[in-house]
């Protein structure tokens, strides 16, 4: 093994560790128990509680699979955007995740599965466009306004096609033949 390479990797990991310690200290001092933290906690829990109350029992497994897909993709994309300096978050619910948990783990997946279980007489493409427009042009700017999100090198229009693809793949997953009809 190349000792210089191994040392470089270890040095990089030490920088990451030091940055995480600094992030935790800042989170404890400025975020934890602030109104934005409580708001994030509510956004992380309440949509799931509402969905549990109104979900179609016969579609639960299929919709949870779709939600899991949305969580995986949105979290991965979120972390990539943070790592490449495209955006940042200031008031995370937990300090150990760079992704914004209320958005990636709750708001986005619950919005998708609610939309899928409601019968509209509109094509999936039109639904995807409406979902993407709402997410990119209403929700993202709202989080900027509230001070949660800083789209440093990102424009909301860039999110629009991403949300369309996420929604359409979610529709595709939900319609796999091994599930009962919605």
Protein backbone atom coordinates (compact mmCIF):
# COMPACT_ATOMS: atom_id res chain seq x y z
CA UNK A 1 0.00 0.00 0.00
CA UNK A 2 1.03 3.53 -0.65
CA UNK A 3 1.85 5.07 2.76
CA UNK A 4 1.45 8.63 1.46
CA UNK A 5 -2.03 7.78 0.21
CA UNK A 6 -3.03 6.16 3.52
CA UNK A 7 -1.71 9.16 5.48
CA UNK A 8 -3.62 11.54 3.20
CA UNK A 9 -6.85 9.59 3.69
CA UNK A 10 -6.37 9.52 7.48
CA UNK A 11 -5.67 13.27 7.50
CA UNK A 12 -8.87 13.87 5.52
CA UNK A 13 -10.87 11.72 7.96
CA UNK A 14 -9.39 13.69 10.86
CA UNK A 15 -10.55 16.93 9.21
CA UNK A 16 -14.04 15.49 8.81
CA UNK A 17 -14.05 14.41 12.46
CA UNK A 18 -12.93 17.87 13.62
CA UNK A 19 -15.58 19.52 11.41
CA UNK A 20 -18.26 17.24 12.88
CA UNK A 21 -17.24 18.13 16.43
CA UNK A 22 -17.46 21.84 15.53
CA UNK A 23 -20.88 21.30 13.90
CA UNK A 24 -22.17 19.52 17.03
CA UNK A 25 -20.90 22.33 19.27
CA UNK A 26 -22.58 24.95 17.08
CA UNK A 27 -25.78 22.89 16.97
CA UNK A 28 -25.86 22.60 20.76
CA UNK A 29 -25.23 26.31 21.22
CA UNK A 30 -27.52 27.78 18.55
CA UNK A 31 -29.98 25.19 17.25
CA UNK A 32 -30.99 22.69 19.91
CA UNK A 33 -34.32 23.69 21.52
CA UNK A 34 -34.63 26.87 19.38
CA UNK A 35 -37.94 27.58 17.68
CA UNK A 36 -36.46 26.35 14.36
CA UNK A 37 -35.39 23.10 16.01
CA UNK A 38 -38.91 22.57 17.41
CA UNK A 39 -40.39 23.45 14.02
CA UNK A 40 -38.09 20.88 12.39
CA UNK A 41 -39.08 18.25 14.96
CA UNK A 42 -42.76 18.92 14.24
CA UNK A 43 -42.13 18.76 10.47
CA UNK A 44 -40.34 15.44 11.03
CA UNK A 45 -43.16 13.81 13.00
CA UNK A 46 -46.57 15.34 12.25
CA UNK A 47 -46.79 14.46 8.52
CA UNK A 48 -46.14 10.77 9.31
CA UNK A 49 -48.78 10.82 12.06
CA UNK A 50 -51.29 12.36 9.66
CA UNK A 51 -50.42 9.83 6.97
CA UNK A 52 -50.83 6.95 9.45
CA UNK A 53 -54.31 8.22 10.26
CA UNK A 54 -55.42 8.57 6.63
CA UNK A 55 -53.45 5.86 4.82
CA UNK A 56 -55.12 3.10 2.91
CA UNK A 57 -54.34 -0.02 4.91
CA UNK A 58 -54.28 -2.28 1.87
CA UNK A 59 -51.59 -0.09 0.23
CA UNK A 60 -49.36 0.44 3.27
CA UNK A 61 -46.47 -1.81 2.20
CA UNK A 62 -46.35 -0.47 -1.33
CA UNK A 63 -46.48 3.15 -0.16
CA UNK A 64 -43.80 2.56 2.48
CA UNK A 65 -41.57 1.08 -0.23
CA UNK A 66 -42.10 4.22 -2.31
CA UNK A 67 -41.38 6.40 0.75
CA UNK A 68 -38.19 4.44 1.39
CA UNK A 69 -37.09 5.04 -2.21
CA UNK A 70 -37.81 8.78 -1.90
CA UNK A 71 -35.92 8.95 1.41
CA UNK A 72 -32.88 7.16 -0.06
CA UNK A 73 -32.72 9.24 -3.24
CA UNK A 74 -33.47 12.61 -1.66
CA UNK A 75 -31.02 12.03 1.21
CA UNK A 76 -28.28 10.91 -1.14
CA UNK A 77 -28.83 13.88 -3.47
CA UNK A 78 -28.97 16.22 -0.47
CA UNK A 79 -25.66 14.95 0.91
CA UNK A 80 -24.06 15.23 -2.56
CA UNK A 81 -25.25 18.83 -2.85
CA UNK A 82 -23.82 19.65 0.57
CA UNK A 83 -20.50 17.91 -0.13
CA UNK A 84 -20.08 19.82 -3.38
CA UNK A 85 -20.99 23.14 -1.78
CA UNK A 86 -24.21 23.67 -3.73
CA UNK A 87 -26.30 24.38 -0.63
CA UNK A 88 -26.22 24.21 3.15
CA UNK A 89 -28.60 23.90 6.09
CA UNK A 90 -28.48 25.86 9.32
CA UNK A 91 -30.98 24.30 11.72
CA UNK A 92 -30.89 20.52 11.51
CA UNK A 93 -33.00 18.41 13.84
CA UNK A 94 -29.99 16.21 14.59
CA UNK A 95 -26.38 17.34 14.27
CA UNK A 96 -25.13 14.02 12.87
CA UNK A 97 -26.76 14.32 9.46
CA UNK A 98 -25.84 16.92 6.90
CA UNK A 99 -29.15 16.34 5.11
CA UNK A 100 -32.27 18.17 6.23
CA UNK A 101 -34.26 15.39 7.90
CA UNK A 102 -37.68 17.10 7.89
CA UNK A 103 -37.47 17.47 4.11
CA UNK A 104 -35.75 14.21 3.10
CA UNK A 105 -37.29 11.84 5.63
CA UNK A 106 -40.76 13.30 6.01
CA UNK A 107 -42.09 16.13 3.85
CA UNK A 108 -40.96 14.82 0.48
CA UNK A 109 -41.80 11.11 0.96
CA UNK A 110 -45.11 11.77 2.72
CA UNK A 111 -46.17 14.24 0.01
CA UNK A 112 -45.37 11.65 -2.67
CA UNK A 113 -47.22 8.79 -0.99
CA UNK A 114 -50.24 10.96 -0.14
CA UNK A 115 -50.39 12.03 -3.77
CA UNK A 116 -50.13 8.44 -4.96
CA UNK A 117 -52.95 7.17 -2.77
CA UNK A 118 -55.38 9.91 -3.81
CA UNK A 119 -57.18 9.10 -7.05
CA UNK A 120 -56.90 11.98 -9.48
CA UNK A 121 -58.05 11.80 -13.06
CA UNK A 122 -54.81 13.42 -14.12
CA UNK A 123 -51.88 11.75 -15.84
CA UNK A 124 -48.83 10.90 -13.72
CA UNK A 125 -46.76 13.32 -15.78
CA UNK A 126 -49.09 16.22 -14.95
CA UNK A 127 -49.09 15.19 -11.29
CA UNK A 128 -45.28 15.05 -11.37
CA UNK A 129 -45.12 18.55 -12.85
CA UNK A 130 -47.48 19.95 -10.19
CA UNK A 131 -45.56 18.15 -7.43
CA UNK A 132 -42.21 19.39 -8.77
CA UNK A 133 -43.47 22.96 -9.16
CA UNK A 134 -44.84 23.00 -5.61
CA UNK A 135 -41.64 21.49 -4.18
CA UNK A 136 -39.16 23.58 -6.16
CA UNK A 137 -40.95 26.92 -6.32
CA UNK A 138 -42.97 27.05 -3.10
CA UNK A 139 -41.39 24.74 -0.52
CA UNK A 140 -37.70 25.38 -1.26
CA UNK A 141 -38.10 29.20 -1.23
CA UNK A 142 -40.13 28.88 1.99
CA UNK A 143 -37.23 27.11 3.67
CA UNK A 144 -34.88 29.81 2.41
CA UNK A 145 -37.20 32.49 3.82
CA UNK A 146 -37.38 30.71 7.20
CA UNK A 147 -33.59 30.54 7.35
CA UNK A 148 -33.24 26.75 7.17
CA UNK A 149 -31.70 26.48 3.72
CA UNK A 150 -29.06 28.41 1.79
CA UNK A 151 -28.97 27.54 -1.94
CA UNK A 152 -25.45 28.90 -2.38
CA UNK A 153 -24.76 27.59 -5.86
CA UNK A 154 -28.18 26.18 -6.67
CA UNK A 155 -31.27 27.64 -8.29
CA UNK A 156 -34.74 26.33 -7.54
CA UNK A 157 -35.30 25.67 -11.24
CA UNK A 158 -32.55 23.01 -11.06
CA UNK A 159 -34.66 21.08 -8.54
CA UNK A 160 -37.72 21.04 -10.80
CA UNK A 161 -36.64 18.18 -13.15
CA UNK A 162 -35.16 16.26 -10.22
CA UNK A 163 -38.53 16.30 -8.44
CA UNK A 164 -40.28 15.23 -11.64
CA UNK A 165 -37.99 12.20 -11.97
CA UNK A 166 -38.37 11.27 -8.29
CA UNK A 167 -42.15 11.44 -8.60
CA UNK A 168 -42.33 9.45 -11.84
CA UNK A 169 -40.02 6.71 -10.51
CA UNK A 170 -42.20 6.61 -7.39
CA UNK A 171 -45.27 6.09 -9.58
CA UNK A 172 -43.46 3.31 -11.43
CA UNK A 173 -42.50 1.59 -8.15
CA UNK A 174 -46.04 1.91 -6.81
CA UNK A 175 -47.50 0.21 -9.87
CA UNK A 176 -45.32 -2.91 -9.78
CA UNK A 177 -47.57 -5.92 -10.43
CA UNK A 178 -46.72 -7.72 -7.20
CA UNK A 179 -48.77 -5.11 -5.32
CA UNK A 180 -52.52 -4.85 -5.15
CA UNK A 181 -54.09 -1.88 -6.95
CA UNK A 182 -54.30 1.40 -5.06
